[in-house]
Amino acid sequence: MRRHITAAAALIILGTGCYHVTVVTGAPAGQGMIDKQWQNSFVLGLVPPPEIDAKAACARGVSKVETERSFLNGLVAAITWNIYTPMHARVTCASGPVSH
C-alpha cells in the first residue's frame, strides 16, 4: 500500500511540472507590460483563464506573449489535484508596427 501512495505522490509532483510558452509577433518591444501572476484555469486548463484585454494597455499592439506555470502555480495545482490549475501570463506591448 505504501508503494502505491509513493507512486501516486510522484506522479502528482511530476504531472505539475513547469512549462513556458512564448509567442513573438515581430513587433519591437515597448515599455508597457501586463503581468498576471495568477490566471485562474481549472481541470488541467480545460476551463481556460479569462482573456487578457491588451488593447487598453497596448495602444500600438503586442510584441510578445508568455505563459508559464511557475513552481507555486504547480504546487497549488498539485494540492487541489489539478482541479484549480493557475498559470502566469505576461504580455509585452509593442512600440510600433511589425517591420518587414
PDB file of N, CA and C in Angstrom:
ATOM      1  N   MET A   1       0.826  -1.190   0.000  1.00  0.00           N
ATOM      2  CA  MET A   1       0.000   0.000   0.000  1.00  0.00           C
ATOM      3  C   MET A   1       0.871   1.254   0.000  1.00  0.00           C
ATOM      4  N   ARG A   2       1.945   1.186   0.748  1.00  0.00           N
ATOM      5  CA  ARG A   2       2.836   2.345   0.837  1.00  0.00           C
ATOM      6  C   ARG A   2       3.454   2.661  -0.527  1.00  0.00           C
ATOM      7  N   ARG A   3       3.739   1.612  -1.321  1.00  0.00           N
ATOM      8  CA  ARG A   3       4.291   1.822  -2.668  1.00  0.00           C
ATOM      9  C   ARG A   3       3.309   2.584  -3.546  1.00  0.00           C
ATOM     10  N   HIS A   4       2.041   2.266  -3.439  1.00  0.00           N
ATOM     11  CA  HIS A   4       1.022   2.938  -4.253  1.00  0.00           C
ATOM     12  C   HIS A   4       0.912   4.414  -3.898  1.00  0.00           C
ATOM     13  N   ILE A   5       0.976   4.708  -2.619  1.00  0.00           N
ATOM     14  CA  ILE A   5       0.910   6.108  -2.185  1.00  0.00           C
ATOM     15  C   ILE A   5       2.133   6.862  -2.672  1.00  0.00           C
ATOM     16  N   THR A   6       3.310   6.251  -2.566  1.00  0.00           N
ATOM     17  CA  THR A   6       4.539   6.889  -3.039  1.00  0.00           C
ATOM     18  C   THR A   6       4.487   7.106  -4.549  1.00  0.00           C
ATOM     19  N   ALA A   7       4.012   6.122  -5.283  1.00  0.00           N
ATOM     20  CA  ALA A   7       3.906   6.259  -6.740  1.00  0.00           C
ATOM     21  C   ALA A   7       2.902   7.343  -7.116  1.00  0.00           C
ATOM     22  N   ALA A   8       1.784   7.403  -6.419  1.00  0.00           N
ATOM     23  CA  ALA A   8       0.781   8.436  -6.696  1.00  0.00           C
ATOM     24  C   ALA A   8       1.339   9.826  -6.407  1.00  0.00           C
ATOM     25  N   ALA A   9       2.063   9.963  -5.304  1.00  0.00           N
ATOM     26  CA  ALA A   9       2.668  11.254  -4.971  1.00  0.00           C
ATOM     27  C   ALA A   9       3.696  11.667  -6.016  1.00  0.00           C
ATOM     28  N   ALA A  10       4.497  10.718  -6.477  1.00  0.00           N
ATOM     29  CA  ALA A  10       5.491  11.026  -7.514  1.00  0.00           C
ATOM     30  C   ALA A  10       4.825  11.452  -8.808  1.00  0.00           C
ATOM     31  N   LEU A  11       3.736  10.794  -9.207  1.00  0.00           N
ATOM     32  CA  LEU A  11       3.012  11.177 -10.422  1.00  0.00           C
ATOM     33  C   LEU A  11       2.412  12.567 -10.312  1.00  0.00           C
ATOM     34  N   ILE A  12       1.893  12.897  -9.156  1.00  0.00           N
ATOM     35  CA  ILE A  12       1.315  14.231  -8.959  1.00  0.00           C
ATOM     36  C   ILE A  12       2.401  15.290  -9.071  1.00  0.00           C
ATOM     37  N   ILE A  13       3.530  15.057  -8.442  1.00  0.00           N
ATOM     38  CA  ILE A  13       4.623  16.034  -8.483  1.00  0.00           C
ATOM     39  C   ILE A  13       5.161  16.181  -9.906  1.00  0.00           C
ATOM     40  N   LEU A  14       5.355  15.074 -10.598  1.00  0.00           N
ATOM     41  CA  LEU A  14       5.861  15.137 -11.966  1.00  0.00           C
ATOM     42  C   LEU A  14       4.823  15.709 -12.929  1.00  0.00           C
ATOM     43  N   GLY A  15       3.560  15.464 -12.662  1.00  0.00           N
ATOM     44  CA  GLY A  15       2.494  15.953 -13.535  1.00  0.00           C
ATOM     45  C   GLY A  15       2.253  17.441 -13.427  1.00  0.00           C
ATOM     46  N   THR A  16       2.771  18.072 -12.403  1.00  0.00           N
ATOM     47  CA  THR A  16       2.579  19.509 -12.233  1.00  0.00           C
ATOM     48  C   THR A  16       3.850  20.259 -12.577  1.00  0.00           C
ATOM     49  N   GLY A  17       4.608  19.741 -13.493  1.00  0.00           N
ATOM     50  CA  GLY A  17       5.870  20.364 -13.881  1.00  0.00           C
ATOM     51  C   GLY A  17       5.686  21.745 -14.474  1.00  0.00           C
ATOM     52  N   CYS A  18       6.753  22.473 -14.535  1.00  0.00           N
ATOM     53  CA  CYS A  18       6.729  23.824 -15.072  1.00  0.00           C
ATOM     54  C   CYS A  18       6.761  23.779 -16.599  1.00  0.00           C
ATOM     55  N   TYR A  19       6.168  24.770 -17.224  1.00  0.00           N
ATOM     56  CA  TYR A  19       6.264  24.922 -18.666  1.00  0.00           C
ATOM     57  C   TYR A  19       6.340  26.405 -18.975  1.00  0.00           C
ATOM     58  N   HIS A  20       6.786  26.724 -20.162  1.00  0.00           N
ATOM     59  CA  HIS A  20       6.935  28.115 -20.579  1.00  0.00           C
ATOM     60  C   HIS A  20       6.707  28.178 -22.083  1.00  0.00           C
ATOM     61  N   VAL A  21       5.729  28.971 -22.508  1.00  0.00           N
ATOM     62  CA  VAL A  21       5.423  29.148 -23.927  1.00  0.00           C
ATOM     63  C   VAL A  21       5.559  30.633 -24.251  1.00  0.00           C
ATOM     64  N   THR A  22       6.279  30.951 -25.330  1.00  0.00           N
ATOM     65  CA  THR A  22       6.457  32.338 -25.759  1.00  0.00           C
ATOM     66  C   THR A  22       6.003  32.485 -27.204  1.00  0.00           C
ATOM     67  N   VAL A  23       5.197  33.520 -27.458  1.00  0.00           N
ATOM     68  CA  VAL A  23       4.768  33.850 -28.813  1.00  0.00           C
ATOM     69  C   VAL A  23       5.300  35.251 -29.117  1.00  0.00           C
ATOM     70  N   VAL A  24       6.115  35.363 -30.164  1.00  0.00           N
ATOM     71  CA  VAL A  24       6.710  36.646 -30.559  1.00  0.00           C
ATOM     72  C   VAL A  24       6.063  37.089 -31.857  1.00  0.00           C
ATOM     73  N   THR A  25       5.541  38.324 -31.879  1.00  0.00           N
ATOM     74  CA  THR A  25       4.840  38.820 -33.060  1.00  0.00           C
ATOM     75  C   THR A  25       5.766  39.436 -34.099  1.00  0.00           C
ATOM     76  N   GLY A  26       6.958  39.837 -33.703  1.00  0.00           N
ATOM     77  CA  GLY A  26       7.883  40.503 -34.613  1.00  0.00           C
ATOM     78  C   GLY A  26       7.894  42.013 -34.452  1.00  0.00           C
ATOM     79  N   ALA A  27       6.925  42.546 -33.721  1.00  0.00           N
ATOM     80  CA  ALA A  27       6.891  43.984 -33.457  1.00  0.00           C
ATOM     81  C   ALA A  27       7.937  44.320 -32.396  1.00  0.00           C
ATOM     82  N   PRO A  28       8.561  45.496 -32.488  1.00  0.00           N
ATOM     83  CA  PRO A  28       9.557  45.860 -31.479  1.00  0.00           C
ATOM     84  C   PRO A  28       8.902  46.062 -30.108  1.00  0.00           C
ATOM     85  N   ALA A  29       9.601  45.638 -29.079  1.00  0.00           N
ATOM     86  CA  ALA A  29       9.078  45.732 -27.710  1.00  0.00           C
ATOM     87  C   ALA A  29       9.037  47.175 -27.244  1.00  0.00           C
ATOM     88  N   GLY A  30       7.984  47.501 -26.517  1.00  0.00           N
ATOM     89  CA  GLY A  30       7.831  48.828 -25.933  1.00  0.00           C
ATOM     90  C   GLY A  30       8.005  48.769 -24.425  1.00  0.00           C
ATOM     91  N   GLN A  31       7.580  49.815 -23.751  1.00  0.00           N
ATOM     92  CA  GLN A  31       7.742  49.915 -22.303  1.00  0.00           C
ATOM     93  C   GLN A  31       6.611  49.245 -21.524  1.00  0.00           C
ATOM     94  N   GLY A  32       5.421  49.206 -22.106  1.00  0.00           N
ATOM     95  CA  GLY A  32       4.263  48.684 -21.378  1.00  0.00           C
ATOM     96  C   GLY A  32       4.281  47.178 -21.220  1.00  0.00           C
ATOM     97  N   MET A  33       3.684  46.717 -20.112  1.00  0.00           N
ATOM     98  CA  MET A  33       3.617  45.287 -19.866  1.00  0.00           C
ATOM     99  C   MET A  33       2.399  44.977 -18.998  1.00  0.00           C
ATOM    100  N   ILE A  34       1.766  43.861 -19.289  1.00  0.00           N
ATOM    101  CA  ILE A  34       0.692  43.334 -18.454  1.00  0.00           C
ATOM    102  C   ILE A  34       1.237  42.057 -17.838  1.00  0.00           C
ATOM    103  N   ASP A  35       1.213  41.966 -16.521  1.00  0.00           N
ATOM    104  CA  ASP A  35       1.776  40.806 -15.830  1.00  0.00           C
ATOM    105  C   ASP A  35       0.738  40.254 -14.859  1.00  0.00           C
ATOM    106  N   LYS A  36       0.202  39.094 -15.173  1.00  0.00           N
ATOM    107  CA  LYS A  36      -0.824  38.441 -14.347  1.00  0.00           C
ATOM    108  C   LYS A  36      -0.210  37.181 -13.746  1.00  0.00           C
ATOM    109  N   GLN A  37       0.123  37.224 -12.466  1.00  0.00           N
ATOM    110  CA  GLN A  37       0.768  36.098 -11.797  1.00  0.00           C
ATOM    111  C   GLN A  37      -0.163  34.894 -11.622  1.00  0.00           C
ATOM    112  N   TRP A  38      -1.451  35.140 -11.424  1.00  0.00           N
ATOM    113  CA  TRP A  38      -2.401  34.075 -11.127  1.00  0.00           C
ATOM    114  C   TRP A  38      -3.597  34.167 -12.061  1.00  0.00           C
ATOM    115  N   GLN A  39      -3.477  33.602 -13.239  1.00  0.00           N
ATOM    116  CA  GLN A  39      -4.596  33.469 -14.170  1.00  0.00           C
ATOM    117  C   GLN A  39      -5.340  32.188 -13.799  1.00  0.00           C
ATOM    118  N   ASN A  40      -6.611  32.305 -13.492  1.00  0.00           N
ATOM    119  CA  ASN A  40      -7.380  31.174 -12.988  1.00  0.00           C
ATOM    120  C   ASN A  40      -7.860  30.261 -14.105  1.00  0.00           C
ATOM    121  N   SER A  41      -7.401  29.014 -14.097  1.00  0.00           N
ATOM    122  CA  SER A  41      -7.915  27.997 -15.001  1.00  0.00           C
ATOM    123  C   SER A  41      -8.207  26.750 -14.174  1.00  0.00           C
ATOM    124  N   PHE A  42      -8.989  25.859 -14.750  1.00  0.00           N
ATOM    125  CA  PHE A  42      -9.446  24.706 -13.995  1.00  0.00           C
ATOM    126  C   PHE A  42      -9.323  23.435 -14.827  1.00  0.00           C
ATOM    127  N   VAL A  43      -9.234  22.307 -14.158  1.00  0.00           N
ATOM    128  CA  VAL A  43      -9.194  20.965 -14.731  1.00  0.00           C
ATOM    129  C   VAL A  43      -8.112  20.890 -15.815  1.00  0.00           C
ATOM    130  N   LEU A  44      -6.868  21.073 -15.390  1.00  0.00           N
ATOM    131  CA  LEU A  44      -5.703  20.991 -16.281  1.00  0.00           C
ATOM    132  C   LEU A  44      -5.777  21.944 -17.468  1.00  0.00           C
ATOM    133  N   GLY A  45      -6.459  23.064 -17.303  1.00  0.00           N
ATOM    134  CA  GLY A  45      -6.575  24.044 -18.375  1.00  0.00           C
ATOM    135  C   GLY A  45      -7.728  23.801 -19.327  1.00  0.00           C
ATOM    136  N   LEU A  46      -8.537  22.767 -19.093  1.00  0.00           N
ATOM    137  CA  LEU A  46      -9.699  22.543 -19.959  1.00  0.00           C
ATOM    138  C   LEU A  46     -10.701  23.683 -19.848  1.00  0.00           C
ATOM    139  N   VAL A  47     -10.773  24.292 -18.673  1.00  0.00           N
ATOM    140  CA  VAL A  47     -11.529  25.528 -18.493  1.00  0.00           C
ATOM    141  C   VAL A  47     -10.476  26.630 -18.450  1.00  0.00           C
ATOM    142  N   PRO A  48     -10.280  27.338 -19.574  1.00  0.00           N
ATOM    143  CA  PRO A  48      -9.163  28.278 -19.669  1.00  0.00           C
ATOM    144  C   PRO A  48      -9.390  29.542 -18.845  1.00  0.00           C
ATOM    145  N   PRO A  49      -8.316  30.268 -18.589  1.00  0.00           N
ATOM    146  CA  PRO A  49      -8.448  31.544 -17.875  1.00  0.00           C
ATOM    147  C   PRO A  49      -9.117  32.582 -18.768  1.00  0.00           C
ATOM    148  N   PRO A  50      -9.624  33.654 -18.164  1.00  0.00           N
ATOM    149  CA  PRO A  50     -10.238  34.709 -18.979  1.00  0.00           C
ATOM    150  C   PRO A  50      -9.201  35.367 -19.892  1.00  0.00           C
ATOM    151  N   GLU A  51      -9.670  35.866 -21.020  1.00  0.00           N
ATOM    152  CA  GLU A  51      -8.763  36.551 -21.948  1.00  0.00           C
ATOM    153  C   GLU A  51      -8.242  37.839 -21.326  1.00  0.00           C
ATOM    154  N   ILE A  52      -7.025  38.171 -21.669  1.00  0.00           N
ATOM    155  CA  ILE A  52      -6.430  39.433 -21.221  1.00  0.00           C
ATOM    156  C   ILE A  52      -6.696  40.472 -22.302  1.00  0.00           C
ATOM    157  N   ASP A  53      -7.341  41.570 -21.928  1.00  0.00           N
ATOM    158  CA  ASP A  53      -7.637  42.641 -22.878  1.00  0.00           C
ATOM    159  C   ASP A  53      -6.413  43.540 -22.997  1.00  0.00           C
ATOM    160  N   ALA A  54      -5.591  43.290 -24.002  1.00  0.00           N
ATOM    161  CA  ALA A  54      -4.353  44.051 -24.181  1.00  0.00           C
ATOM    162  C   ALA A  54      -4.579  45.359 -24.924  1.00  0.00           C
ATOM    163  N   LYS A  55      -5.730  45.527 -25.553  1.00  0.00           N
ATOM    164  CA  LYS A  55      -5.984  46.746 -26.326  1.00  0.00           C
ATOM    165  C   LYS A  55      -5.937  47.991 -25.459  1.00  0.00           C
ATOM    166  N   ALA A  56      -6.441  47.896 -24.250  1.00  0.00           N
ATOM    167  CA  ALA A  56      -6.467  49.065 -23.365  1.00  0.00           C
ATOM    168  C   ALA A  56      -5.062  49.485 -22.935  1.00  0.00           C
ATOM    169  N   ALA A  57      -4.184  48.525 -22.667  1.00  0.00           N
ATOM    170  CA  ALA A  57      -2.841  48.839 -22.173  1.00  0.00           C
ATOM    171  C   ALA A  57      -1.815  48.973 -23.288  1.00  0.00           C
ATOM    172  N   CYS A  58      -2.058  48.337 -24.425  1.00  0.00           N
ATOM    173  CA  CYS A  58      -1.081  48.312 -25.523  1.00  0.00           C
ATOM    174  C   CYS A  58      -1.690  48.957 -26.771  1.00  0.00           C
ATOM    175  N   ALA A  59      -1.625  50.274 -26.841  1.00  0.00           N
ATOM    176  CA  ALA A  59      -2.238  51.006 -27.948  1.00  0.00           C
ATOM    177  C   ALA A  59      -1.595  50.685 -29.298  1.00  0.00           C
ATOM    178  N   ARG A  60      -0.321  50.322 -29.321  1.00  0.00           N
ATOM    179  CA  ARG A  60       0.386  50.033 -30.575  1.00  0.00           C
ATOM    180  C   ARG A  60       0.503  48.541 -30.870  1.00  0.00           C
ATOM    181  N   GLY A  61      -0.230  47.735 -30.133  1.00  0.00           N
ATOM    182  CA  GLY A  61      -0.219  46.302 -30.369  1.00  0.00           C
ATOM    183  C   GLY A  61       0.648  45.555 -29.371  1.00  0.00           C
ATOM    184  N   VAL A  62       0.849  44.288 -29.652  1.00  0.00           N
ATOM    185  CA  VAL A  62       1.564  43.389 -28.738  1.00  0.00           C
ATOM    186  C   VAL A  62       2.852  42.909 -29.399  1.00  0.00           C
ATOM    187  N   SER A  63       3.934  42.898 -28.632  1.00  0.00           N
ATOM    188  CA  SER A  63       5.221  42.414 -29.112  1.00  0.00           C
ATOM    189  C   SER A  63       5.447  40.949 -28.751  1.00  0.00           C
ATOM    190  N   LYS A  64       5.068  40.574 -27.526  1.00  0.00           N
ATOM    191  CA  LYS A  64       5.347  39.213 -27.062  1.00  0.00           C
ATOM    192  C   LYS A  64       4.314  38.803 -26.018  1.00  0.00           C
ATOM    193  N   VAL A  65       3.943  37.524 -26.047  1.00  0.00           N
ATOM    194  CA  VAL A  65       3.046  36.943 -25.040  1.00  0.00           C
ATOM    195  C   VAL A  65       3.733  35.711 -24.470  1.00  0.00           C
ATOM    196  N   GLU A  66       3.813  35.646 -23.152  1.00  0.00           N
ATOM    197  CA  GLU A  66       4.429  34.495 -22.482  1.00  0.00           C
ATOM    198  C   GLU A  66       3.440  33.907 -21.486  1.00  0.00           C
ATOM    199  N   THR A  67       3.310  32.599 -21.490  1.00  0.00           N
ATOM    200  CA  THR A  67       2.522  31.912 -20.466  1.00  0.00           C
ATOM    201  C   THR A  67       3.407  30.835 -19.851  1.00  0.00           C
ATOM    202  N   GLU A  68       3.239  30.640 -18.572  1.00  0.00           N
ATOM    203  CA  GLU A  68       4.029  29.634 -17.883  1.00  0.00           C
ATOM    204  C   GLU A  68       3.301  29.170 -16.640  1.00  0.00           C
ATOM    205  N   ARG A  69       3.705  28.023 -16.167  1.00  0.00           N
ATOM    206  CA  ARG A  69       3.256  27.561 -14.857  1.00  0.00           C
ATOM    207  C   ARG A  69       4.477  27.603 -13.964  1.00  0.00           C
ATOM    208  N   SER A  70       4.453  28.521 -13.020  1.00  0.00           N
ATOM    209  CA  SER A  70       5.573  28.647 -12.087  1.00  0.00           C
ATOM    210  C   SER A  70       5.525  27.508 -11.070  1.00  0.00           C
ATOM    211  N   PHE A  71       6.551  27.419 -10.270  1.00  0.00           N
ATOM    212  CA  PHE A  71       6.591  26.392  -9.240  1.00  0.00           C
ATOM    213  C   PHE A  71       5.399  26.524  -8.301  1.00  0.00           C
ATOM    214  N   LEU A  72       5.104  27.756  -7.873  1.00  0.00           N
ATOM    215  CA  LEU A  72       3.973  27.964  -6.963  1.00  0.00           C
ATOM    216  C   LEU A  72       2.650  27.626  -7.633  1.00  0.00           C
ATOM    217  N   ASN A  73       2.493  27.986  -8.920  1.00  0.00           N
ATOM    218  CA  ASN A  73       1.280  27.600  -9.649  1.00  0.00           C
ATOM    219  C   ASN A  73       1.132  26.089  -9.670  1.00  0.00           C
ATOM    220  N   GLY A  74       2.223  25.380  -9.941  1.00  0.00           N
ATOM    221  CA  GLY A  74       2.197  23.923  -9.980  1.00  0.00           C
ATOM    222  C   GLY A  74       1.923  23.306  -8.617  1.00  0.00           C
ATOM    223  N   LEU A  75       2.463  23.924  -7.578  1.00  0.00           N
ATOM    224  CA  LEU A  75       2.222  23.432  -6.223  1.00  0.00           C
ATOM    225  C   LEU A  75       0.742  23.548  -5.862  1.00  0.00           C
ATOM    226  N   VAL A  76       0.136  24.683  -6.181  1.00  0.00           N
ATOM    227  CA  VAL A  76      -1.293  24.862  -5.919  1.00  0.00           C
ATOM    228  C   VAL A  76      -2.111  23.859  -6.721  1.00  0.00           C
ATOM    229  N   ALA A  77      -1.732  23.631  -7.971  1.00  0.00           N
ATOM    230  CA  ALA A  77      -2.437  22.638  -8.790  1.00  0.00           C
ATOM    231  C   ALA A  77      -2.321  21.254  -8.168  1.00  0.00           C
ATOM    232  N   ALA A  78      -1.149  20.904  -7.657  1.00  0.00           N
ATOM    233  CA  ALA A  78      -0.958  19.587  -7.036  1.00  0.00           C
ATOM    234  C   ALA A  78      -1.798  19.446  -5.774  1.00  0.00           C
ATOM    235  N   ILE A  79      -1.856  20.498  -4.983  1.00  0.00           N
ATOM    236  CA  ILE A  79      -2.634  20.458  -3.743  1.00  0.00           C
ATOM    237  C   ILE A  79      -4.117  20.265  -4.040  1.00  0.00           C
ATOM    238  N   THR A  80      -4.596  20.848  -5.137  1.00  0.00           N
ATOM    239  CA  THR A  80      -6.021  20.748  -5.488  1.00  0.00           C
ATOM    240  C   THR A  80      -6.302  19.593  -6.444  1.00  0.00           C
ATOM    241  N   TRP A  81      -5.350  18.669  -6.607  1.00  0.00           N
ATOM    242  CA  TRP A  81      -5.494  17.514  -7.505  1.00  0.00           C
ATOM    243  C   TRP A  81      -5.811  17.973  -8.928  1.00  0.00           C
ATOM    244  N   ASN A  82      -5.203  19.067  -9.370  1.00  0.00           N
ATOM    245  CA  ASN A  82      -5.333  19.638 -10.714  1.00  0.00           C
ATOM    246  C   ASN A  82      -6.750  20.093 -11.047  1.00  0.00           C
ATOM    247  N   ILE A  83      -7.548  20.352 -10.034  1.00  0.00           N
ATOM    248  CA  ILE A  83      -8.863  20.943 -10.285  1.00  0.00           C
ATOM    249  C   ILE A  83      -8.680  22.435 -10.555  1.00  0.00           C
ATOM    250  N   TYR A  84      -7.890  23.098  -9.721  1.00  0.00           N
ATOM    251  CA  TYR A  84      -7.538  24.501  -9.934  1.00  0.00           C
ATOM    252  C   TYR A  84      -6.108  24.521 -10.453  1.00  0.00           C
ATOM    253  N   THR A  85      -5.910  24.978 -11.689  1.00  0.00           N
ATOM    254  CA  THR A  85      -4.584  24.964 -12.316  1.00  0.00           C
ATOM    255  C   THR A  85      -4.213  26.369 -12.794  1.00  0.00           C
ATOM    256  N   PRO A  86      -3.738  27.213 -11.885  1.00  0.00           N
ATOM    257  CA  PRO A  86      -3.403  28.582 -12.261  1.00  0.00           C
ATOM    258  C   PRO A  86      -2.171  28.646 -13.149  1.00  0.00           C
ATOM    259  N   MET A  87      -2.040  29.757 -13.884  1.00  0.00           N
ATOM    260  CA  MET A  87      -0.859  29.983 -14.704  1.00  0.00           C
ATOM    261  C   MET A  87      -0.471  31.455 -14.645  1.00  0.00           C
ATOM    262  N   HIS A  88       0.739  31.734 -15.056  1.00  0.00           N
ATOM    263  CA  HIS A  88       1.289  33.090 -15.087  1.00  0.00           C
ATOM    264  C   HIS A  88       1.314  33.554 -16.545  1.00  0.00           C
ATOM    265  N   ALA A  89       0.768  34.732 -16.808  1.00  0.00           N
ATOM    266  CA  ALA A  89       0.756  35.281 -18.172  1.00  0.00           C
ATOM    267  C   ALA A  89       1.402  36.666 -18.167  1.00  0.00           C
ATOM    268  N   ARG A  90       2.215  36.925 -19.197  1.00  0.00           N
ATOM    269  CA  ARG A  90       2.899  38.214 -19.336  1.00  0.00           C
ATOM    270  C   ARG A  90       2.774  38.672 -20.784  1.00  0.00           C
ATOM    271  N   VAL A  91       2.275  39.887 -20.985  1.00  0.00           N
ATOM    272  CA  VAL A  91       2.123  40.468 -22.322  1.00  0.00           C
ATOM    273  C   VAL A  91       3.028  41.697 -22.389  1.00  0.00           C
ATOM    274  N   THR A  92       3.919  41.723 -23.377  1.00  0.00           N
ATOM    275  CA  THR A  92       4.792  42.879 -23.603  1.00  0.00           C
ATOM    276  C   THR A  92       4.221  43.694 -24.756  1.00  0.00           C
ATOM    277  N   CYS A  93       3.970  44.971 -24.493  1.00  0.00           N
ATOM    278  CA  CYS A  93       3.407  45.855 -25.503  1.00  0.00           C
ATOM    279  C   CYS A  93       4.446  46.183 -26.583  1.00  0.00           C
ATOM    280  N   ALA A  94       3.966  46.517 -27.754  1.00  0.00           N
ATOM    281  CA  ALA A  94       4.844  46.892 -28.877  1.00  0.00           C
ATOM    282  C   ALA A  94       5.051  48.406 -28.873  1.00  0.00           C
ATOM    283  N   SER A  95       6.187  48.833 -29.431  1.00  0.00           N
ATOM    284  CA  SER A  95       6.457  50.264 -29.565  1.00  0.00           C
ATOM    285  C   SER A  95       6.086  50.767 -30.955  1.00  0.00           C
ATOM    286  N   GLY A  96       5.710  49.870 -31.831  1.00  0.00           N
ATOM    287  CA  GLY A  96       5.334  50.243 -33.202  1.00  0.00           C
ATOM    288  C   GLY A  96       4.908  49.007 -33.969  1.00  0.00           C
ATOM    289  N   PRO A  97       4.619  49.185 -35.242  1.00  0.00           N
ATOM    290  CA  PRO A  97       4.151  48.054 -36.056  1.00  0.00           C
ATOM    291  C   PRO A  97       5.294  47.084 -36.383  1.00  0.00           C
ATOM    292  N   VAL A  98       4.905  45.933 -36.876  1.00  0.00           N
ATOM    293  CA  VAL A  98       5.868  44.911 -37.287  1.00  0.00           C
ATOM    294  C   VAL A  98       6.640  45.447 -38.488  1.00  0.00           C
ATOM    295  N   SER A  99       7.975  45.357 -38.435  1.00  0.00           N
ATOM    296  CA  SER A  99       8.788  45.808 -39.566  1.00  0.00           C
ATOM    297  C   SER A  99       9.027  44.613 -40.492  1.00  0.00           C
ATOM    298  N   HIS A 100       8.949  44.842 -41.773  1.00  0.00           N
ATOM    299  CA  HIS A 100       9.091  43.743 -42.759  1.00  0.00           C
ATOM    300  C   HIS A 100      10.472  43.700 -43.301  1.00  0.00           C
TER     301      HIS A 100
END
